[in-house]
Amino acid sequence: MKKFLITLIINLILLNSCAKPTVIDIKLDGDEKLNCEQLESEVAESQKIKREAQYAKEATGGNVTRVLLFWPAWARTLHNADIAIRAADDRIYHLFSIMKKNKCKNVDVLNQKITATTNPTANNITGQLKELKKMYNDGSLTKEEYEKAKKKLLD
């Protein structure tokens, strides 16, 4: 019985020793009160957290060790990283919605810059059209903005 408990404790320690990328809150209480510059800063911070989570999924020494010694810790690392990446993406999207509502300058340029570097499907016309449609459906773009952007893409 004592051996079983020791084994169980060691397994729990190993399982919890996986990388824990930061999972950010998508919406914060003061988000609506931020000015455009502060919103851009929050977007940059969310991008940084996303990059760190993406790095946690790469074939780093820590991940190779986890695979070799205790693969459930590696699987948990990947799962944690996926959650962190999704949360960062959702936060960025939320911040862009606020920026659009506040009519911040450079929001479209910033969005294109981020989309081009982080979303490979958005580099093709189909991916860009899907993103536009998604933004239109959730109210981030007006009908006129959607049609104008769609026409620009197709031309």
C-alpha atoms as a PDB file:
ATOM      1  CA  MET A   1       0.000   0.000   0.000  1.00  0.00           C
ATOM      2  CA  LYS A   2       2.851   2.357   0.851  1.00  0.00           C
ATOM      3  CA  LYS A   3       4.499   1.692  -2.519  1.00  0.00           C
ATOM      4  CA  PHE A   4       1.254   2.475  -4.308  1.00  0.00           C
ATOM      5  CA  LEU A   5       0.892   5.815  -2.514  1.00  0.00           C
ATOM      6  CA  ILE A   6       4.477   6.792  -3.271  1.00  0.00           C
ATOM      7  CA  THR A   7       3.996   5.884  -6.942  1.00  0.00           C
ATOM      8  CA  LEU A   8       0.750   7.843  -7.071  1.00  0.00           C
ATOM      9  CA  ILE A   9       2.353  10.917  -5.494  1.00  0.00           C
ATOM     10  CA  ILE A  10       5.322  10.781  -7.876  1.00  0.00           C
ATOM     11  CA  ASN A  11       2.986  10.447 -10.871  1.00  0.00           C
ATOM     12  CA  LEU A  12       0.926  13.422  -9.727  1.00  0.00           C
ATOM     13  CA  ILE A  13       4.065  15.510  -9.271  1.00  0.00           C
ATOM     14  CA  LEU A  14       5.328  14.552 -12.713  1.00  0.00           C
ATOM     15  CA  LEU A  15       1.961  15.267 -14.308  1.00  0.00           C
ATOM     16  CA  ASN A  16       1.829  18.693 -12.727  1.00  0.00           C
ATOM     17  CA  SER A  17       5.428  19.463 -13.660  1.00  0.00           C
ATOM     18  CA  CYS A  18       4.439  20.255 -17.220  1.00  0.00           C
ATOM     19  CA  ALA A  19       4.745  23.703 -18.713  1.00  0.00           C
ATOM     20  CA  LYS A  20       1.935  25.993 -17.727  1.00  0.00           C
ATOM     21  CA  PRO A  21       1.584  28.774 -20.275  1.00  0.00           C
ATOM     22  CA  THR A  22      -0.294  31.792 -19.002  1.00  0.00           C
ATOM     23  CA  VAL A  23      -4.009  31.637 -19.723  1.00  0.00           C
ATOM     24  CA  ILE A  24      -5.324  35.173 -19.803  1.00  0.00           C
ATOM     25  CA  ASP A  25      -8.834  36.348 -19.062  1.00  0.00           C
ATOM     26  CA  ILE A  26     -10.650  37.208 -22.260  1.00  0.00           C
ATOM     27  CA  LYS A  27     -12.598  40.117 -20.825  1.00  0.00           C
ATOM     28  CA  LEU A  28     -11.530  42.324 -17.941  1.00  0.00           C
ATOM     29  CA  ASP A  29     -13.731  44.775 -16.057  1.00  0.00           C
ATOM     30  CA  GLY A  30     -11.861  47.888 -17.211  1.00  0.00           C
ATOM     31  CA  ASP A  31     -11.492  46.984 -20.890  1.00  0.00           C
ATOM     32  CA  GLU A  32     -14.281  49.280 -22.061  1.00  0.00           C
ATOM     33  CA  LYS A  33     -12.653  52.251 -20.305  1.00  0.00           C
ATOM     34  CA  LEU A  34      -9.235  51.855 -21.964  1.00  0.00           C
ATOM     35  CA  ASN A  35      -8.143  54.420 -24.526  1.00  0.00           C
ATOM     36  CA  CYS A  36      -6.835  53.412 -27.958  1.00  0.00           C
ATOM     37  CA  GLU A  37      -3.188  53.423 -26.906  1.00  0.00           C
ATOM     38  CA  GLN A  38      -3.913  51.251 -23.876  1.00  0.00           C
ATOM     39  CA  LEU A  39      -5.948  48.857 -26.036  1.00  0.00           C
ATOM     40  CA  GLU A  40      -3.005  48.520 -28.446  1.00  0.00           C
ATOM     41  CA  SER A  41      -0.754  47.789 -25.488  1.00  0.00           C
ATOM     42  CA  GLU A  42      -3.162  45.090 -24.280  1.00  0.00           C
ATOM     43  CA  VAL A  43      -3.191  43.570 -27.774  1.00  0.00           C
ATOM     44  CA  ALA A  44       0.625  43.489 -27.769  1.00  0.00           C
ATOM     45  CA  GLU A  45       0.646  41.814 -24.340  1.00  0.00           C
ATOM     46  CA  SER A  46      -1.871  39.215 -25.515  1.00  0.00           C
ATOM     47  CA  GLN A  47       0.273  38.522 -28.585  1.00  0.00           C
ATOM     48  CA  LYS A  48       3.315  38.027 -26.341  1.00  0.00           C
ATOM     49  CA  ILE A  49       1.434  35.515 -24.199  1.00  0.00           C
ATOM     50  CA  LYS A  50       0.265  33.710 -27.336  1.00  0.00           C
ATOM     51  CA  ARG A  51       3.838  33.473 -28.658  1.00  0.00           C
ATOM     52  CA  GLU A  52       4.985  32.036 -25.315  1.00  0.00           C
ATOM     53  CA  ALA A  53       2.226  29.417 -25.441  1.00  0.00           C
ATOM     54  CA  GLN A  54       3.146  28.531 -29.038  1.00  0.00           C
ATOM     55  CA  TYR A  55       6.764  28.122 -27.941  1.00  0.00           C
ATOM     56  CA  ALA A  56       5.632  25.720 -25.193  1.00  0.00           C
ATOM     57  CA  LYS A  57       4.296  23.424 -27.942  1.00  0.00           C
ATOM     58  CA  GLU A  58       7.590  23.285 -29.837  1.00  0.00           C
ATOM     59  CA  ALA A  59      10.203  20.550 -29.588  1.00  0.00           C
ATOM     60  CA  THR A  60      12.081  22.160 -26.744  1.00  0.00           C
ATOM     61  CA  GLY A  61      14.383  20.252 -24.430  1.00  0.00           C
ATOM     62  CA  GLY A  62      11.714  20.253 -21.748  1.00  0.00           C
ATOM     63  CA  ASN A  63       9.121  18.755 -24.076  1.00  0.00           C
ATOM     64  CA  VAL A  64      11.516  16.093 -25.362  1.00  0.00           C
ATOM     65  CA  THR A  65      12.295  15.151 -21.756  1.00  0.00           C
ATOM     66  CA  ARG A  66       8.581  14.988 -20.939  1.00  0.00           C
ATOM     67  CA  VAL A  67       7.952  12.690 -23.912  1.00  0.00           C
ATOM     68  CA  LEU A  68      10.809  10.392 -22.951  1.00  0.00           C
ATOM     69  CA  LEU A  69      10.221  10.267 -19.208  1.00  0.00           C
ATOM     70  CA  PHE A  70       6.511  10.823 -18.737  1.00  0.00           C
ATOM     71  CA  TRP A  71       4.405  11.387 -21.838  1.00  0.00           C
ATOM     72  CA  PRO A  72       1.209  12.432 -19.948  1.00  0.00           C
ATOM     73  CA  ALA A  73       3.093  15.553 -18.786  1.00  0.00           C
ATOM     74  CA  TRP A  74       3.913  16.314 -22.418  1.00  0.00           C
ATOM     75  CA  ALA A  75       0.273  15.841 -23.421  1.00  0.00           C
ATOM     76  CA  ARG A  76      -0.809  18.140 -20.621  1.00  0.00           C
ATOM     77  CA  THR A  77       1.694  20.760 -21.755  1.00  0.00           C
ATOM     78  CA  LEU A  78       0.211  20.693 -25.247  1.00  0.00           C
ATOM     79  CA  HIS A  79      -3.304  20.930 -23.857  1.00  0.00           C
ATOM     80  CA  ASN A  80      -2.379  23.870 -21.603  1.00  0.00           C
ATOM     81  CA  ALA A  81      -0.713  25.633 -24.524  1.00  0.00           C
ATOM     82  CA  ASP A  82      -3.788  25.166 -26.726  1.00  0.00           C
ATOM     83  CA  ILE A  83      -6.011  26.678 -24.040  1.00  0.00           C
ATOM     84  CA  ALA A  84      -3.628  29.621 -23.605  1.00  0.00           C
ATOM     85  CA  ILE A  85      -3.467  30.244 -27.372  1.00  0.00           C
ATOM     86  CA  ARG A  86      -7.256  30.186 -27.701  1.00  0.00           C
ATOM     87  CA  ALA A  87      -7.664  32.553 -24.750  1.00  0.00           C
ATOM     88  CA  ALA A  88      -5.098  34.972 -26.214  1.00  0.00           C
ATOM     89  CA  ASP A  89      -6.833  34.886 -29.617  1.00  0.00           C
ATOM     90  CA  ASP A  90     -10.197  35.522 -27.996  1.00  0.00           C
ATOM     91  CA  ARG A  91      -8.768  38.399 -25.940  1.00  0.00           C
ATOM     92  CA  ILE A  92      -7.234  39.996 -29.042  1.00  0.00           C
ATOM     93  CA  TYR A  93     -10.552  39.671 -30.857  1.00  0.00           C
ATOM     94  CA  HIS A  94     -12.380  41.212 -27.884  1.00  0.00           C
ATOM     95  CA  LEU A  95      -9.916  44.118 -27.786  1.00  0.00           C
ATOM     96  CA  PHE A  96     -10.290  44.713 -31.534  1.00  0.00           C
ATOM     97  CA  SER A  97     -14.060  44.866 -31.101  1.00  0.00           C
ATOM     98  CA  ILE A  98     -13.634  47.594 -28.485  1.00  0.00           C
ATOM     99  CA  MET A  99     -11.141  49.419 -30.700  1.00  0.00           C
ATOM    100  CA  LYS A 100     -13.628  49.333 -33.595  1.00  0.00           C
ATOM    101  CA  LYS A 101     -16.408  50.598 -31.342  1.00  0.00           C
ATOM    102  CA  ASN A 102     -14.148  53.427 -30.095  1.00  0.00           C
ATOM    103  CA  LYS A 103     -13.129  54.213 -33.690  1.00  0.00           C
ATOM    104  CA  CYS A 104      -9.428  53.884 -32.879  1.00  0.00           C
ATOM    105  CA  LYS A 105      -7.003  54.786 -35.641  1.00  0.00           C
ATOM    106  CA  ASN A 106      -4.785  52.036 -37.050  1.00  0.00           C
ATOM    107  CA  VAL A 107      -7.114  49.238 -35.901  1.00  0.00           C
ATOM    108  CA  ASP A 108      -7.372  47.843 -39.430  1.00  0.00           C
ATOM    109  CA  VAL A 109      -3.623  48.097 -40.000  1.00  0.00           C
ATOM    110  CA  LEU A 110      -2.910  46.423 -36.666  1.00  0.00           C
ATOM    111  CA  ASN A 111      -5.439  43.700 -37.374  1.00  0.00           C
ATOM    112  CA  GLN A 112      -3.959  42.995 -40.818  1.00  0.00           C
ATOM    113  CA  LYS A 113      -0.465  42.932 -39.370  1.00  0.00           C
ATOM    114  CA  ILE A 114      -1.446  40.433 -36.686  1.00  0.00           C
ATOM    115  CA  THR A 115      -3.532  38.302 -39.022  1.00  0.00           C
ATOM    116  CA  ALA A 116      -0.762  38.096 -41.600  1.00  0.00           C
ATOM    117  CA  THR A 117       1.785  36.893 -39.057  1.00  0.00           C
ATOM    118  CA  THR A 118      -0.350  34.613 -36.888  1.00  0.00           C
ATOM    119  CA  ASN A 119      -3.021  33.159 -39.144  1.00  0.00           C
ATOM    120  CA  PRO A 120      -1.670  31.293 -42.166  1.00  0.00           C
ATOM    121  CA  THR A 121      -5.141  30.731 -43.639  1.00  0.00           C
ATOM    122  CA  ALA A 122      -5.707  34.478 -43.660  1.00  0.00           C
ATOM    123  CA  ASN A 123      -2.810  34.875 -46.096  1.00  0.00           C
ATOM    124  CA  ASN A 124      -5.008  33.547 -48.870  1.00  0.00           C
ATOM    125  CA  ILE A 125      -8.185  35.129 -50.177  1.00  0.00           C
ATOM    126  CA  THR A 126     -10.456  32.397 -48.834  1.00  0.00           C
ATOM    127  CA  GLY A 127      -9.084  32.791 -45.319  1.00  0.00           C
ATOM    128  CA  GLN A 128      -9.404  36.554 -45.483  1.00  0.00           C
ATOM    129  CA  LEU A 129     -12.992  36.315 -46.731  1.00  0.00           C
ATOM    130  CA  LYS A 130     -13.854  33.947 -43.881  1.00  0.00           C
ATOM    131  CA  GLU A 131     -12.357  36.371 -41.358  1.00  0.00           C
ATOM    132  CA  LEU A 132     -14.313  39.255 -42.867  1.00  0.00           C
ATOM    133  CA  LYS A 133     -17.555  37.276 -42.755  1.00  0.00           C
ATOM    134  CA  LYS A 134     -16.901  36.326 -39.134  1.00  0.00           C
ATOM    135  CA  MET A 135     -16.322  39.978 -38.226  1.00  0.00           C
ATOM    136  CA  TYR A 136     -19.466  41.023 -40.082  1.00  0.00           C
ATOM    137  CA  ASN A 137     -21.583  38.321 -38.425  1.00  0.00           C
ATOM    138  CA  ASP A 138     -20.540  39.311 -34.918  1.00  0.00           C
ATOM    139  CA  GLY A 139     -21.134  42.999 -35.571  1.00  0.00           C
ATOM    140  CA  SER A 140     -17.516  44.185 -35.693  1.00  0.00           C
ATOM    141  CA  LEU A 141     -18.046  45.371 -39.262  1.00  0.00           C
ATOM    142  CA  THR A 142     -21.009  47.212 -40.710  1.00  0.00           C
ATOM    143  CA  LYS A 143     -22.569  45.987 -43.951  1.00  0.00           C
ATOM    144  CA  GLU A 144     -20.829  48.806 -45.842  1.00  0.00           C
ATOM    145  CA  GLU A 145     -17.418  48.049 -44.283  1.00  0.00           C
ATOM    146  CA  TYR A 146     -17.853  44.351 -45.036  1.00  0.00           C
ATOM    147  CA  GLU A 147     -18.808  44.954 -48.676  1.00  0.00           C
ATOM    148  CA  LYS A 148     -15.964  47.444 -49.171  1.00  0.00           C
ATOM    149  CA  ALA A 149     -13.355  45.086 -47.668  1.00  0.00           C
ATOM    150  CA  LYS A 150     -14.728  42.131 -49.626  1.00  0.00           C
ATOM    151  CA  LYS A 151     -14.581  44.106 -52.889  1.00  0.00           C
ATOM    152  CA  LYS A 152     -11.016  45.185 -52.116  1.00  0.00           C
ATOM    153  CA  LEU A 153      -9.981  41.563 -51.547  1.00  0.00           C
ATOM    154  CA  LEU A 154     -11.593  40.297 -54.695  1.00  0.00           C
ATOM    155  CA  ASP A 155     -10.182  43.058 -56.925  1.00  0.00           C
END
